[in-house]
């Protein structure tokens, strides 16, 4: 009976963890959809089409014990060629200053990884925005203009949304790392980010469909 109780307890924990991951991926899809459904105030479509990967961290929380610090969990997916999006990697984002313009208890964060060099950082155990990888606040609106050319040299463009305000933001100092426990639960085994992002035949888990489908809807073909 004791063994049965332990087994049932572990099963309950696993189900709860799976539910949280499914909710995270669903929220990531919703955040992207809500942002792209307001083209005058969202991510420029031409930039999204140029991005190699897109990461979304829904409802990143402020860490009460660290002044200006935050911590959140999300997901990132990369293109498989120019016409498809691959299976996502679960990630965490911690630290970094968000500035007064996006104050609030929870912030949605979106990151566009613009080139192959940026993808290489996603394959590491962790990397620092603005330290390891160049980062800049992304432009907002229907199209990216010439005045944002300087930002286009960055490997990663970052955005934030809080209380209805969506803006580009330099997330310097924030640390991005794979969420290995969440990836193991999502894919049913221990799996490295490299195996997911570099394996074009990796099946997209059912729980990840809302996020990947949103990417396909708003950027079905890359540039």
N, C-alpha and C. Protein backbone atom coordinates (compact mmCIF):
# COMPACT_ATOMS: atom_id res chain seq x y z
N UNK A 1 0.83 -1.20 0.00
CA UNK A 1 0.00 0.00 0.00
C UNK A 1 0.87 1.26 0.00
N UNK A 2 1.96 1.20 0.76
CA UNK A 2 2.85 2.37 0.80
C UNK A 2 3.46 2.63 -0.57
N UNK A 3 3.87 1.54 -1.24
CA UNK A 3 4.45 1.69 -2.57
C UNK A 3 3.43 2.25 -3.55
N UNK A 4 2.16 1.79 -3.41
CA UNK A 4 1.10 2.29 -4.28
C UNK A 4 0.88 3.78 -4.06
N UNK A 5 0.90 4.17 -2.79
CA UNK A 5 0.70 5.58 -2.47
C UNK A 5 1.82 6.44 -3.04
N UNK A 6 3.04 5.94 -2.95
CA UNK A 6 4.18 6.67 -3.50
C UNK A 6 4.05 6.80 -5.01
N UNK A 7 3.65 5.68 -5.66
CA UNK A 7 3.49 5.68 -7.12
C UNK A 7 2.42 6.67 -7.56
N UNK A 8 1.29 6.66 -6.85
CA UNK A 8 0.21 7.57 -7.20
C UNK A 8 0.62 9.02 -6.96
N UNK A 9 1.41 9.23 -5.90
CA UNK A 9 1.89 10.57 -5.62
C UNK A 9 2.81 11.08 -6.70
N UNK A 10 3.70 10.22 -7.18
CA UNK A 10 4.61 10.61 -8.25
C UNK A 10 3.85 10.85 -9.54
N UNK A 11 2.84 10.03 -9.81
CA UNK A 11 2.03 10.21 -11.01
C UNK A 11 1.31 11.55 -10.98
N UNK A 12 0.81 11.93 -9.79
CA UNK A 12 0.11 13.20 -9.64
C UNK A 12 1.06 14.36 -9.91
N UNK A 13 2.29 14.26 -9.41
CA UNK A 13 3.29 15.30 -9.64
C UNK A 13 3.59 15.43 -11.11
N UNK A 14 3.74 14.28 -11.79
CA UNK A 14 4.05 14.30 -13.22
C UNK A 14 2.94 14.95 -14.02
N UNK A 15 1.70 14.59 -13.70
CA UNK A 15 0.56 15.18 -14.41
C UNK A 15 0.53 16.68 -14.19
N UNK A 16 0.77 17.12 -12.96
CA UNK A 16 0.77 18.54 -12.65
C UNK A 16 1.84 19.26 -13.44
N UNK A 17 3.03 18.69 -13.52
CA UNK A 17 4.12 19.29 -14.28
C UNK A 17 3.78 19.36 -15.76
N UNK A 18 3.19 18.31 -16.30
CA UNK A 18 2.79 18.30 -17.70
C UNK A 18 1.74 19.38 -17.97
N UNK A 19 0.80 19.52 -17.05
CA UNK A 19 -0.23 20.55 -17.20
C UNK A 19 0.39 21.95 -17.24
N UNK A 20 1.37 22.17 -16.38
CA UNK A 20 2.01 23.49 -16.32
C UNK A 20 2.77 23.78 -17.61
N UNK A 21 3.43 22.77 -18.15
CA UNK A 21 4.16 22.94 -19.41
C UNK A 21 3.19 23.21 -20.56
N UNK A 22 2.10 22.46 -20.59
CA UNK A 22 1.08 22.67 -21.62
C UNK A 22 0.50 24.08 -21.52
N UNK A 23 0.27 24.54 -20.30
CA UNK A 23 -0.26 25.89 -20.10
C UNK A 23 0.76 26.94 -20.55
N UNK A 24 2.04 26.69 -20.26
CA UNK A 24 3.08 27.62 -20.66
C UNK A 24 3.13 27.78 -22.18
N UNK A 25 3.07 26.66 -22.88
CA UNK A 25 3.11 26.68 -24.33
C UNK A 25 1.86 27.32 -24.92
N UNK A 26 0.71 27.04 -24.32
CA UNK A 26 -0.53 27.65 -24.77
C UNK A 26 -0.48 29.16 -24.58
N UNK A 27 0.02 29.61 -23.43
CA UNK A 27 0.12 31.05 -23.16
C UNK A 27 1.12 31.72 -24.10
N UNK A 28 2.19 31.01 -24.45
CA UNK A 28 3.16 31.57 -25.39
C UNK A 28 2.50 31.83 -26.74
N UNK A 29 1.67 30.89 -27.19
CA UNK A 29 0.94 31.07 -28.44
C UNK A 29 -0.03 32.23 -28.36
N UNK A 30 -0.71 32.38 -27.22
CA UNK A 30 -1.67 33.47 -27.04
C UNK A 30 -0.98 34.82 -27.05
N UNK A 31 0.16 34.91 -26.37
CA UNK A 31 0.90 36.17 -26.32
C UNK A 31 1.31 36.59 -27.73
N UNK A 32 1.86 35.67 -28.49
CA UNK A 32 2.28 35.99 -29.85
C UNK A 32 1.09 36.41 -30.71
N UNK A 33 -0.02 35.70 -30.59
CA UNK A 33 -1.20 36.02 -31.38
C UNK A 33 -1.75 37.40 -31.04
N UNK A 34 -1.83 37.72 -29.76
CA UNK A 34 -2.35 39.01 -29.33
C UNK A 34 -1.47 40.15 -29.82
N UNK A 35 -0.16 39.94 -29.80
CA UNK A 35 0.77 40.97 -30.26
C UNK A 35 0.65 41.16 -31.77
N UNK A 36 0.62 40.07 -32.52
CA UNK A 36 0.58 40.17 -33.98
C UNK A 36 -0.79 40.59 -34.50
N UNK A 37 -1.83 40.47 -33.69
CA UNK A 37 -3.17 40.89 -34.10
C UNK A 37 -3.35 42.41 -33.98
N UNK A 38 -2.34 43.11 -33.48
CA UNK A 38 -2.36 44.58 -33.41
C UNK A 38 -1.15 45.09 -34.20
N UNK A 39 -1.21 45.01 -35.54
CA UNK A 39 -0.04 45.29 -36.38
C UNK A 39 0.55 46.69 -36.20
N UNK A 40 -0.28 47.68 -35.87
CA UNK A 40 0.24 49.04 -35.70
C UNK A 40 1.09 49.17 -34.44
N UNK A 41 0.92 48.22 -33.52
CA UNK A 41 1.65 48.31 -32.25
C UNK A 41 2.42 47.04 -31.94
N UNK A 42 2.54 46.17 -32.93
CA UNK A 42 3.18 44.88 -32.70
C UNK A 42 4.54 44.75 -33.33
N UNK A 43 4.98 43.51 -33.52
CA UNK A 43 6.27 43.23 -34.16
C UNK A 43 6.12 43.41 -35.67
N UNK A 44 7.00 44.16 -36.31
CA UNK A 44 6.92 44.30 -37.77
C UNK A 44 6.94 42.94 -38.45
N UNK A 45 6.02 42.74 -39.39
CA UNK A 45 5.90 41.45 -40.07
C UNK A 45 7.20 41.08 -40.80
N UNK A 46 7.86 42.07 -41.40
CA UNK A 46 9.07 41.74 -42.15
C UNK A 46 10.19 41.26 -41.24
N UNK A 47 10.20 41.75 -39.99
CA UNK A 47 11.21 41.29 -39.03
C UNK A 47 10.91 39.86 -38.58
N UNK A 48 9.64 39.60 -38.32
CA UNK A 48 9.27 38.25 -37.91
C UNK A 48 9.62 37.24 -39.00
N UNK A 49 9.42 37.63 -40.25
CA UNK A 49 9.73 36.73 -41.36
C UNK A 49 11.24 36.49 -41.51
N UNK A 50 12.05 37.44 -41.05
CA UNK A 50 13.50 37.29 -41.14
C UNK A 50 14.08 36.50 -39.96
N UNK A 51 13.32 36.39 -38.90
CA UNK A 51 13.83 35.73 -37.69
C UNK A 51 14.04 34.24 -37.92
N UNK A 52 15.16 33.73 -37.42
CA UNK A 52 15.45 32.30 -37.49
C UNK A 52 14.71 31.54 -36.38
N UNK A 53 14.56 32.19 -35.23
CA UNK A 53 13.87 31.57 -34.09
C UNK A 53 13.07 32.65 -33.37
N UNK A 54 12.04 32.22 -32.65
CA UNK A 54 11.23 33.14 -31.84
C UNK A 54 11.05 32.52 -30.46
N UNK A 55 11.32 33.31 -29.45
CA UNK A 55 11.13 32.87 -28.06
C UNK A 55 10.07 33.73 -27.40
N UNK A 56 9.21 33.11 -26.61
CA UNK A 56 8.18 33.83 -25.86
C UNK A 56 8.22 33.37 -24.41
N UNK A 57 8.31 34.34 -23.51
CA UNK A 57 8.25 34.05 -22.07
C UNK A 57 7.01 34.77 -21.53
N UNK A 58 5.90 34.06 -21.36
CA UNK A 58 4.66 34.70 -20.89
C UNK A 58 4.69 34.96 -19.39
N UNK A 59 4.22 36.14 -19.00
CA UNK A 59 4.06 36.48 -17.59
C UNK A 59 5.33 36.27 -16.77
N UNK A 60 6.41 36.89 -17.21
CA UNK A 60 7.64 36.85 -16.43
C UNK A 60 7.41 37.63 -15.13
N UNK A 61 7.80 37.03 -14.02
CA UNK A 61 7.51 37.61 -12.71
C UNK A 61 8.69 38.39 -12.16
N UNK A 62 8.37 39.41 -11.39
CA UNK A 62 9.41 40.16 -10.70
C UNK A 62 9.85 39.40 -9.47
N UNK A 63 11.17 39.28 -9.31
CA UNK A 63 11.73 38.56 -8.16
C UNK A 63 11.82 39.52 -6.98
N UNK A 64 11.06 39.24 -5.94
CA UNK A 64 10.98 40.14 -4.81
C UNK A 64 12.28 40.28 -4.04
N UNK A 65 13.12 39.26 -4.12
CA UNK A 65 14.36 39.30 -3.33
C UNK A 65 15.53 39.87 -4.12
N UNK A 66 15.31 40.27 -5.35
CA UNK A 66 16.38 40.86 -6.15
C UNK A 66 15.86 42.17 -6.73
N UNK A 67 16.50 43.27 -6.42
CA UNK A 67 16.06 44.55 -6.92
C UNK A 67 16.20 44.58 -8.44
N UNK A 68 15.10 44.79 -9.13
CA UNK A 68 15.13 44.87 -10.59
C UNK A 68 15.26 43.54 -11.29
N UNK A 69 15.30 42.46 -10.54
CA UNK A 69 15.47 41.15 -11.16
C UNK A 69 14.15 40.50 -11.48
N UNK A 70 14.18 39.62 -12.48
CA UNK A 70 12.97 38.91 -12.87
C UNK A 70 13.32 37.48 -13.25
N UNK A 71 12.28 36.65 -13.27
CA UNK A 71 12.49 35.24 -13.64
C UNK A 71 11.24 34.73 -14.35
N UNK A 72 11.44 34.05 -15.44
CA UNK A 72 10.31 33.52 -16.17
C UNK A 72 10.66 32.28 -16.96
N UNK A 73 9.62 31.58 -17.40
CA UNK A 73 9.79 30.36 -18.19
C UNK A 73 8.99 30.48 -19.47
N UNK A 74 9.57 30.01 -20.57
CA UNK A 74 8.88 30.09 -21.84
C UNK A 74 9.37 29.01 -22.80
N UNK A 75 9.33 29.33 -24.08
CA UNK A 75 9.71 28.36 -25.10
C UNK A 75 10.29 29.09 -26.31
N UNK A 76 11.13 28.40 -27.06
CA UNK A 76 11.68 28.95 -28.29
C UNK A 76 11.59 27.90 -29.39
N UNK A 77 11.20 28.33 -30.59
CA UNK A 77 11.14 27.44 -31.75
C UNK A 77 11.91 28.08 -32.89
N UNK A 78 12.53 27.25 -33.72
CA UNK A 78 13.32 27.74 -34.86
C UNK A 78 12.74 27.19 -36.16
N UNK A 79 13.06 27.85 -37.24
CA UNK A 79 12.58 27.43 -38.54
C UNK A 79 13.29 26.15 -39.01
N UNK A 80 12.56 25.35 -39.74
CA UNK A 80 13.15 24.21 -40.45
C UNK A 80 13.08 24.59 -41.92
N UNK A 81 14.18 25.14 -42.43
CA UNK A 81 14.12 25.72 -43.76
C UNK A 81 13.36 27.03 -43.69
N UNK A 82 12.76 27.43 -44.77
CA UNK A 82 12.03 28.71 -44.82
C UNK A 82 10.52 28.54 -44.73
N UNK A 83 10.02 27.30 -44.74
CA UNK A 83 8.57 27.10 -44.84
C UNK A 83 7.96 26.33 -43.68
N UNK A 84 8.70 26.12 -42.62
CA UNK A 84 8.14 25.35 -41.52
C UNK A 84 8.83 25.73 -40.22
N UNK A 85 8.14 25.49 -39.12
CA UNK A 85 8.69 25.73 -37.79
C UNK A 85 8.87 24.39 -37.08
N UNK A 86 9.99 24.24 -36.40
CA UNK A 86 10.30 22.99 -35.73
C UNK A 86 9.79 22.92 -34.31
N UNK A 87 10.09 21.81 -33.67
CA UNK A 87 9.69 21.57 -32.28
C UNK A 87 10.40 22.56 -31.35
N UNK A 88 9.74 22.98 -30.28
CA UNK A 88 10.32 23.99 -29.40
C UNK A 88 11.20 23.43 -28.30
N UNK A 89 12.06 24.30 -27.80
CA UNK A 89 12.86 24.02 -26.61
C UNK A 89 12.29 24.88 -25.47
N UNK A 90 12.08 24.27 -24.32
CA UNK A 90 11.63 25.02 -23.16
C UNK A 90 12.83 25.75 -22.56
N UNK A 91 12.64 27.02 -22.19
CA UNK A 91 13.74 27.83 -21.70
C UNK A 91 13.36 28.62 -20.45
N UNK A 92 14.38 29.15 -19.78
CA UNK A 92 14.16 30.08 -18.67
C UNK A 92 14.89 31.38 -18.99
N UNK A 93 14.39 32.47 -18.43
CA UNK A 93 15.02 33.78 -18.58
C UNK A 93 15.07 34.42 -17.21
N UNK A 94 16.25 34.81 -16.78
CA UNK A 94 16.38 35.35 -15.43
C UNK A 94 17.28 36.58 -15.42
N UNK A 95 17.02 37.46 -14.43
CA UNK A 95 17.83 38.65 -14.27
C UNK A 95 17.53 39.70 -15.32
N UNK A 96 18.40 40.70 -15.39
CA UNK A 96 18.23 41.76 -16.37
C UNK A 96 17.34 42.88 -15.87
N UNK A 97 17.59 44.07 -16.34
CA UNK A 97 16.81 45.23 -15.95
C UNK A 97 15.77 45.53 -17.02
N UNK A 98 14.54 45.80 -16.60
CA UNK A 98 13.46 46.03 -17.54
C UNK A 98 13.08 47.50 -17.68
N UNK A 99 13.62 48.35 -16.85
CA UNK A 99 13.35 49.77 -16.99
C UNK A 99 11.97 50.16 -16.47
N UNK A 100 11.80 51.45 -16.24
CA UNK A 100 10.56 51.97 -15.67
C UNK A 100 9.39 51.93 -16.65
N UNK A 101 9.70 51.96 -17.96
CA UNK A 101 8.62 52.07 -18.95
C UNK A 101 7.77 50.82 -19.03
N UNK A 102 8.20 49.73 -18.45
CA UNK A 102 7.37 48.53 -18.49
C UNK A 102 7.15 48.00 -17.07
N UNK A 103 6.97 48.93 -16.14
CA UNK A 103 6.76 48.51 -14.77
C UNK A 103 5.54 47.63 -14.63
N UNK A 104 5.50 46.85 -13.58
CA UNK A 104 4.37 45.96 -13.36
C UNK A 104 4.84 44.66 -12.76
N UNK A 105 3.90 43.88 -12.26
CA UNK A 105 4.26 42.65 -11.57
C UNK A 105 4.56 41.51 -12.54
N UNK A 106 4.02 41.57 -13.76
CA UNK A 106 4.25 40.51 -14.74
C UNK A 106 4.47 41.12 -16.11
N UNK A 107 5.41 40.56 -16.85
CA UNK A 107 5.77 41.08 -18.16
C UNK A 107 5.87 39.93 -19.15
N UNK A 108 5.28 40.10 -20.34
CA UNK A 108 5.48 39.15 -21.42
C UNK A 108 6.72 39.57 -22.20
N UNK A 109 7.59 38.62 -22.48
CA UNK A 109 8.83 38.91 -23.21
C UNK A 109 8.85 38.10 -24.50
N UNK A 110 9.21 38.77 -25.60
CA UNK A 110 9.37 38.11 -26.90
C UNK A 110 10.78 38.40 -27.40
N UNK A 111 11.46 37.38 -27.91
CA UNK A 111 12.79 37.56 -28.46
C UNK A 111 12.84 36.99 -29.88
N UNK A 112 13.37 37.77 -30.80
CA UNK A 112 13.60 37.31 -32.17
C UNK A 112 15.08 37.00 -32.33
N UNK A 113 15.41 35.77 -32.65
CA UNK A 113 16.80 35.39 -32.92
C UNK A 113 16.98 35.52 -34.42
N UNK A 114 17.87 36.44 -34.83
CA UNK A 114 17.88 36.90 -36.21
C UNK A 114 18.81 36.14 -37.15
N UNK A 115 19.75 35.35 -36.63
CA UNK A 115 20.69 34.68 -37.53
C UNK A 115 21.21 33.38 -36.92
N UNK A 116 22.03 32.69 -37.68
CA UNK A 116 22.56 31.39 -37.25
C UNK A 116 23.42 31.52 -36.00
N UNK A 117 24.15 32.64 -35.87
CA UNK A 117 24.98 32.84 -34.69
C UNK A 117 24.12 32.85 -33.43
N UNK A 118 22.94 33.48 -33.54
CA UNK A 118 22.03 33.51 -32.40
C UNK A 118 21.55 32.12 -32.02
N UNK A 119 21.31 31.28 -33.03
CA UNK A 119 20.88 29.91 -32.77
C UNK A 119 21.95 29.15 -31.99
N UNK A 120 23.21 29.38 -32.34
CA UNK A 120 24.31 28.68 -31.66
C UNK A 120 24.28 28.93 -30.15
N UNK A 121 23.87 30.13 -29.75
CA UNK A 121 23.80 30.41 -28.32
C UNK A 121 22.71 29.59 -27.64
N UNK A 122 21.63 29.31 -28.37
CA UNK A 122 20.54 28.52 -27.79
C UNK A 122 20.97 27.09 -27.50
N UNK A 123 22.05 26.65 -28.13
CA UNK A 123 22.52 25.28 -27.94
C UNK A 123 23.43 25.15 -26.72
N UNK A 124 23.76 26.28 -26.10
CA UNK A 124 24.64 26.25 -24.93
C UNK A 124 23.83 26.03 -23.66
N UNK A 125 24.54 25.72 -22.56
CA UNK A 125 23.88 25.53 -21.28
C UNK A 125 23.22 26.82 -20.81
N UNK A 126 23.83 27.94 -21.14
CA UNK A 126 23.24 29.24 -20.84
C UNK A 126 24.05 30.31 -21.56
N UNK A 127 23.44 31.47 -21.77
CA UNK A 127 24.17 32.61 -22.32
C UNK A 127 23.53 33.90 -21.83
N UNK A 128 24.31 34.97 -21.86
CA UNK A 128 23.87 36.26 -21.34
C UNK A 128 23.58 37.22 -22.48
N UNK A 129 22.41 37.82 -22.46
CA UNK A 129 22.04 38.80 -23.46
C UNK A 129 22.86 40.07 -23.26
N UNK A 130 23.46 40.54 -24.34
CA UNK A 130 24.28 41.74 -24.24
C UNK A 130 25.70 41.46 -23.80
N UNK A 131 25.94 40.23 -23.34
CA UNK A 131 27.28 39.82 -22.96
C UNK A 131 27.81 38.85 -23.99
N UNK A 132 27.25 37.64 -23.98
CA UNK A 132 27.62 36.64 -24.98
C UNK A 132 27.03 36.97 -26.34
N UNK A 133 25.77 37.34 -26.35
CA UNK A 133 25.06 37.61 -27.61
C UNK A 133 24.61 39.06 -27.66
N UNK A 134 24.87 39.74 -28.78
CA UNK A 134 24.45 41.13 -28.93
C UNK A 134 22.93 41.20 -28.96
N UNK A 135 22.38 42.21 -28.29
CA UNK A 135 20.93 42.32 -28.17
C UNK A 135 20.52 43.78 -28.29
N UNK A 136 19.32 44.02 -28.82
CA UNK A 136 18.80 45.38 -28.95
C UNK A 136 17.29 45.34 -28.86
N UNK A 137 16.72 46.44 -28.44
CA UNK A 137 15.27 46.55 -28.42
C UNK A 137 14.74 46.60 -29.83
N UNK A 138 13.75 45.79 -30.13
CA UNK A 138 13.23 45.72 -31.49
C UNK A 138 12.27 46.86 -31.81
N UNK A 139 12.17 47.23 -33.08
CA UNK A 139 11.23 48.26 -33.51
C UNK A 139 9.79 47.75 -33.46
N UNK A 140 8.85 48.67 -33.33
CA UNK A 140 7.43 48.33 -33.23
C UNK A 140 6.66 49.00 -34.37
N UNK A 141 5.70 48.31 -34.94
CA UNK A 141 4.88 48.91 -35.99
C UNK A 141 4.71 47.97 -37.16
N UNK A 142 4.18 48.49 -38.25
CA UNK A 142 3.88 47.63 -39.41
C UNK A 142 5.13 47.19 -40.15
N UNK A 143 6.16 48.01 -40.18
CA UNK A 143 7.37 47.63 -40.89
C UNK A 143 8.59 48.27 -40.24
N UNK A 144 9.73 47.62 -40.34
CA UNK A 144 10.95 48.17 -39.78
C UNK A 144 11.48 49.23 -40.73
N UNK A 145 11.89 50.35 -40.19
CA UNK A 145 12.34 51.47 -41.02
C UNK A 145 13.85 51.59 -41.01
N UNK A 146 14.36 52.49 -41.84
CA UNK A 146 15.81 52.67 -41.97
C UNK A 146 16.44 53.07 -40.65
N UNK A 147 15.70 53.80 -39.82
CA UNK A 147 16.28 54.27 -38.57
C UNK A 147 16.54 53.13 -37.59
N UNK A 148 16.05 51.95 -37.88
CA UNK A 148 16.29 50.81 -36.99
C UNK A 148 17.41 49.92 -37.53
N UNK A 149 18.13 50.38 -38.53
CA UNK A 149 19.19 49.56 -39.12
C UNK A 149 20.24 49.17 -38.09
N UNK A 150 20.52 50.07 -37.15
CA UNK A 150 21.53 49.77 -36.13
C UNK A 150 21.10 48.57 -35.31
N UNK A 151 19.80 48.50 -35.00
CA UNK A 151 19.30 47.37 -34.22
C UNK A 151 19.40 46.07 -34.99
N UNK A 152 19.37 46.16 -36.33
CA UNK A 152 19.37 44.96 -37.14
C UNK A 152 20.71 44.23 -37.12
N UNK A 153 21.75 44.88 -36.60
CA UNK A 153 23.04 44.21 -36.49
C UNK A 153 23.08 43.29 -35.27
N UNK A 154 22.10 43.41 -34.39
CA UNK A 154 22.05 42.58 -33.19
C UNK A 154 21.63 41.16 -33.55
N UNK A 155 22.17 40.21 -32.83
CA UNK A 155 21.78 38.81 -33.04
C UNK A 155 20.37 38.54 -32.54
N UNK A 156 19.97 39.28 -31.50
CA UNK A 156 18.67 39.05 -30.87
C UNK A 156 17.96 40.39 -30.66
N UNK A 157 16.70 40.47 -31.07
CA UNK A 157 15.86 41.64 -30.82
C UNK A 157 14.85 41.27 -29.75
N UNK A 158 14.65 42.17 -28.79
CA UNK A 158 13.79 41.84 -27.65
C UNK A 158 12.64 42.84 -27.50
N UNK A 159 11.53 42.31 -27.03
CA UNK A 159 10.32 43.10 -26.81
C UNK A 159 9.72 42.74 -25.45
N UNK A 160 8.88 43.65 -24.94
CA UNK A 160 8.17 43.37 -23.70
C UNK A 160 6.76 43.95 -23.78
N UNK A 161 5.87 43.34 -23.01
CA UNK A 161 4.49 43.84 -22.94
C UNK A 161 4.02 43.78 -21.49
N UNK A 162 3.54 44.91 -21.01
CA UNK A 162 3.04 44.98 -19.64
C UNK A 162 1.89 45.96 -19.59
N UNK A 163 0.76 45.52 -19.04
CA UNK A 163 -0.42 46.37 -18.90
C UNK A 163 -0.82 47.01 -20.23
N UNK A 164 -0.74 46.23 -21.30
CA UNK A 164 -1.16 46.71 -22.60
C UNK A 164 -0.11 47.47 -23.37
N UNK A 165 1.01 47.82 -22.74
CA UNK A 165 2.08 48.55 -23.41
C UNK A 165 3.08 47.58 -24.01
N UNK A 166 3.28 47.68 -25.32
CA UNK A 166 4.22 46.80 -26.02
C UNK A 166 5.35 47.66 -26.56
N UNK A 167 6.59 47.29 -26.27
CA UNK A 167 7.71 48.12 -26.67
C UNK A 167 8.98 47.29 -26.85
N UNK A 168 9.90 47.81 -27.66
CA UNK A 168 11.21 47.19 -27.76
C UNK A 168 11.99 47.46 -26.48
N UNK A 169 12.82 46.54 -26.10
CA UNK A 169 13.54 46.67 -24.83
C UNK A 169 14.89 45.97 -24.91
N UNK A 170 15.93 46.64 -24.45
CA UNK A 170 17.24 46.02 -24.38
C UNK A 170 17.33 45.22 -23.08
N UNK A 171 17.27 43.92 -23.20
CA UNK A 171 17.30 43.04 -22.03
C UNK A 171 18.73 42.66 -21.67
N UNK A 172 19.59 43.63 -21.54
CA UNK A 172 20.98 43.34 -21.25
C UNK A 172 21.15 42.77 -19.86
N UNK A 173 21.97 41.74 -19.77
CA UNK A 173 22.25 41.13 -18.47
C UNK A 173 21.36 39.96 -18.14
N UNK A 174 20.29 39.75 -18.90
CA UNK A 174 19.42 38.61 -18.64
C UNK A 174 20.09 37.32 -19.14
N UNK A 175 19.86 36.25 -18.43
CA UNK A 175 20.47 34.96 -18.75
C UNK A 175 19.42 34.01 -19.29
N UNK A 176 19.69 33.45 -20.46
CA UNK A 176 18.80 32.47 -21.09
C UNK A 176 19.41 31.09 -20.93
N UNK A 177 18.59 30.11 -20.52
CA UNK A 177 19.08 28.74 -20.33
C UNK A 177 17.98 27.76 -20.68
N UNK A 178 18.35 26.57 -21.17
CA UNK A 178 17.33 25.55 -21.43
C UNK A 178 16.71 25.07 -20.12
N UNK A 179 15.42 24.83 -20.14
CA UNK A 179 14.72 24.26 -18.98
C UNK A 179 14.74 22.74 -19.16
N UNK A 180 15.81 22.12 -18.68
CA UNK A 180 16.04 20.70 -18.97
C UNK A 180 14.95 19.80 -18.39
N UNK A 181 14.47 20.13 -17.21
CA UNK A 181 13.41 19.31 -16.60
C UNK A 181 12.13 19.37 -17.44
N UNK A 182 11.78 20.57 -17.88
CA UNK A 182 10.56 20.74 -18.69
C UNK A 182 10.72 20.05 -20.04
N UNK A 183 11.90 20.12 -20.62
CA UNK A 183 12.13 19.44 -21.90
C UNK A 183 11.99 17.93 -21.76
N UNK A 184 12.50 17.38 -20.64
CA UNK A 184 12.40 15.94 -20.40
C UNK A 184 10.95 15.51 -20.27
N UNK A 185 10.14 16.33 -19.63
CA UNK A 185 8.72 16.00 -19.46
C UNK A 185 7.98 16.14 -20.80
N UNK A 186 8.28 17.19 -21.54
CA UNK A 186 7.59 17.45 -22.81
C UNK A 186 7.88 16.36 -23.83
N UNK A 187 9.13 15.88 -23.86
CA UNK A 187 9.53 14.90 -24.88
C UNK A 187 9.61 13.47 -24.33
N UNK A 188 9.31 13.30 -23.06
CA UNK A 188 9.24 11.96 -22.48
C UNK A 188 10.58 11.33 -22.20
N UNK A 189 11.66 12.11 -22.28
CA UNK A 189 13.01 11.60 -22.00
C UNK A 189 13.97 12.78 -21.87
N UNK A 190 15.13 12.52 -21.32
CA UNK A 190 16.15 13.56 -21.26
C UNK A 190 16.60 13.87 -22.69
N UNK A 191 16.62 15.14 -23.03
CA UNK A 191 16.94 15.52 -24.40
C UNK A 191 17.62 16.89 -24.38
N UNK A 192 18.66 17.04 -25.18
CA UNK A 192 19.40 18.29 -25.25
C UNK A 192 18.77 19.24 -26.27
N UNK A 193 18.98 20.53 -26.05
CA UNK A 193 18.45 21.54 -26.96
C UNK A 193 18.94 21.32 -28.38
N UNK A 194 20.20 20.90 -28.53
CA UNK A 194 20.77 20.66 -29.84
C UNK A 194 19.99 19.59 -30.60
N UNK A 195 19.59 18.54 -29.89
CA UNK A 195 18.87 17.45 -30.53
C UNK A 195 17.51 17.91 -31.04
N UNK A 196 16.91 18.84 -30.33
CA UNK A 196 15.58 19.34 -30.73
C UNK A 196 15.70 20.32 -31.90
N UNK A 197 16.58 21.30 -31.74
CA UNK A 197 16.65 22.38 -32.72
C UNK A 197 17.36 21.99 -34.00
N UNK A 198 18.27 21.03 -33.93
CA UNK A 198 19.05 20.64 -35.11
C UNK A 198 18.47 19.41 -35.82
N UNK A 199 17.48 18.78 -35.20
CA UNK A 199 16.87 17.58 -35.78
C UNK A 199 15.59 17.97 -36.51
N UNK A 200 15.66 18.08 -37.83
CA UNK A 200 14.51 18.54 -38.60
C UNK A 200 13.34 17.57 -38.57
N UNK A 201 13.61 16.33 -38.15
CA UNK A 201 12.54 15.33 -38.12
C UNK A 201 11.90 15.19 -36.74
N UNK A 202 12.35 15.99 -35.78
CA UNK A 202 11.78 15.92 -34.43
C UNK A 202 10.30 16.32 -34.47
N UNK A 203 9.45 15.44 -34.01
CA UNK A 203 8.01 15.70 -34.01
C UNK A 203 7.64 16.78 -33.01
N UNK A 204 6.75 17.66 -33.40
CA UNK A 204 6.25 18.69 -32.49
C UNK A 204 5.25 18.04 -31.53
N UNK A 205 5.51 18.05 -30.23
CA UNK A 205 4.57 17.45 -29.28
C UNK A 205 3.20 18.14 -29.34
N UNK A 206 2.17 17.39 -29.03
CA UNK A 206 0.81 17.94 -29.09
C UNK A 206 0.67 19.17 -28.20
N UNK A 207 1.31 19.16 -27.04
CA UNK A 207 1.21 20.29 -26.11
C UNK A 207 1.82 21.56 -26.69
N UNK A 208 2.74 21.41 -27.64
CA UNK A 208 3.43 22.56 -28.22
C UNK A 208 2.73 23.13 -29.43
N UNK A 209 1.66 22.48 -29.88
CA UNK A 209 0.99 22.90 -31.10
C UNK A 209 0.47 24.36 -31.05
N UNK A 210 -0.13 24.81 -29.96
CA UNK A 210 -0.63 26.19 -29.95
C UNK A 210 0.47 27.22 -30.23
N UNK A 211 1.66 26.99 -29.69
CA UNK A 211 2.77 27.91 -29.91
C UNK A 211 3.29 27.82 -31.35
N UNK A 212 3.55 26.62 -31.81
CA UNK A 212 4.09 26.44 -33.16
C UNK A 212 3.06 26.85 -34.22
N UNK A 213 1.80 26.55 -33.97
CA UNK A 213 0.76 26.94 -34.94
C UNK A 213 0.65 28.47 -35.05
N UNK A 214 0.85 29.17 -33.93
CA UNK A 214 0.81 30.64 -33.98
C UNK A 214 1.95 31.17 -34.84
N UNK A 215 3.13 30.57 -34.71
CA UNK A 215 4.27 30.97 -35.54
C UNK A 215 3.97 30.72 -37.01
N UNK A 216 3.38 29.57 -37.31
CA UNK A 216 3.05 29.24 -38.69
C UNK A 216 2.00 30.21 -39.25
N UNK A 217 1.07 30.63 -38.42
CA UNK A 217 0.01 31.51 -38.86
C UNK A 217 0.55 32.89 -39.23
N UNK A 218 1.41 33.44 -38.39
CA UNK A 218 1.86 34.82 -38.59
C UNK A 218 3.15 34.93 -39.41
N UNK A 219 3.87 33.83 -39.58
CA UNK A 219 5.05 33.85 -40.43
C UNK A 219 5.23 32.48 -41.08
N UNK A 220 4.36 32.15 -42.02
CA UNK A 220 4.42 30.82 -42.63
C UNK A 220 5.65 30.62 -43.52
N UNK A 221 6.19 31.71 -44.06
CA UNK A 221 7.34 31.63 -44.95
C UNK A 221 8.41 32.61 -44.51
N UNK A 222 9.61 32.14 -44.33
CA UNK A 222 10.71 33.02 -43.91
C UNK A 222 11.36 33.71 -45.10
N UNK A 223 12.15 34.74 -44.79
CA UNK A 223 12.86 35.48 -45.84
C UNK A 223 14.34 35.06 -45.89
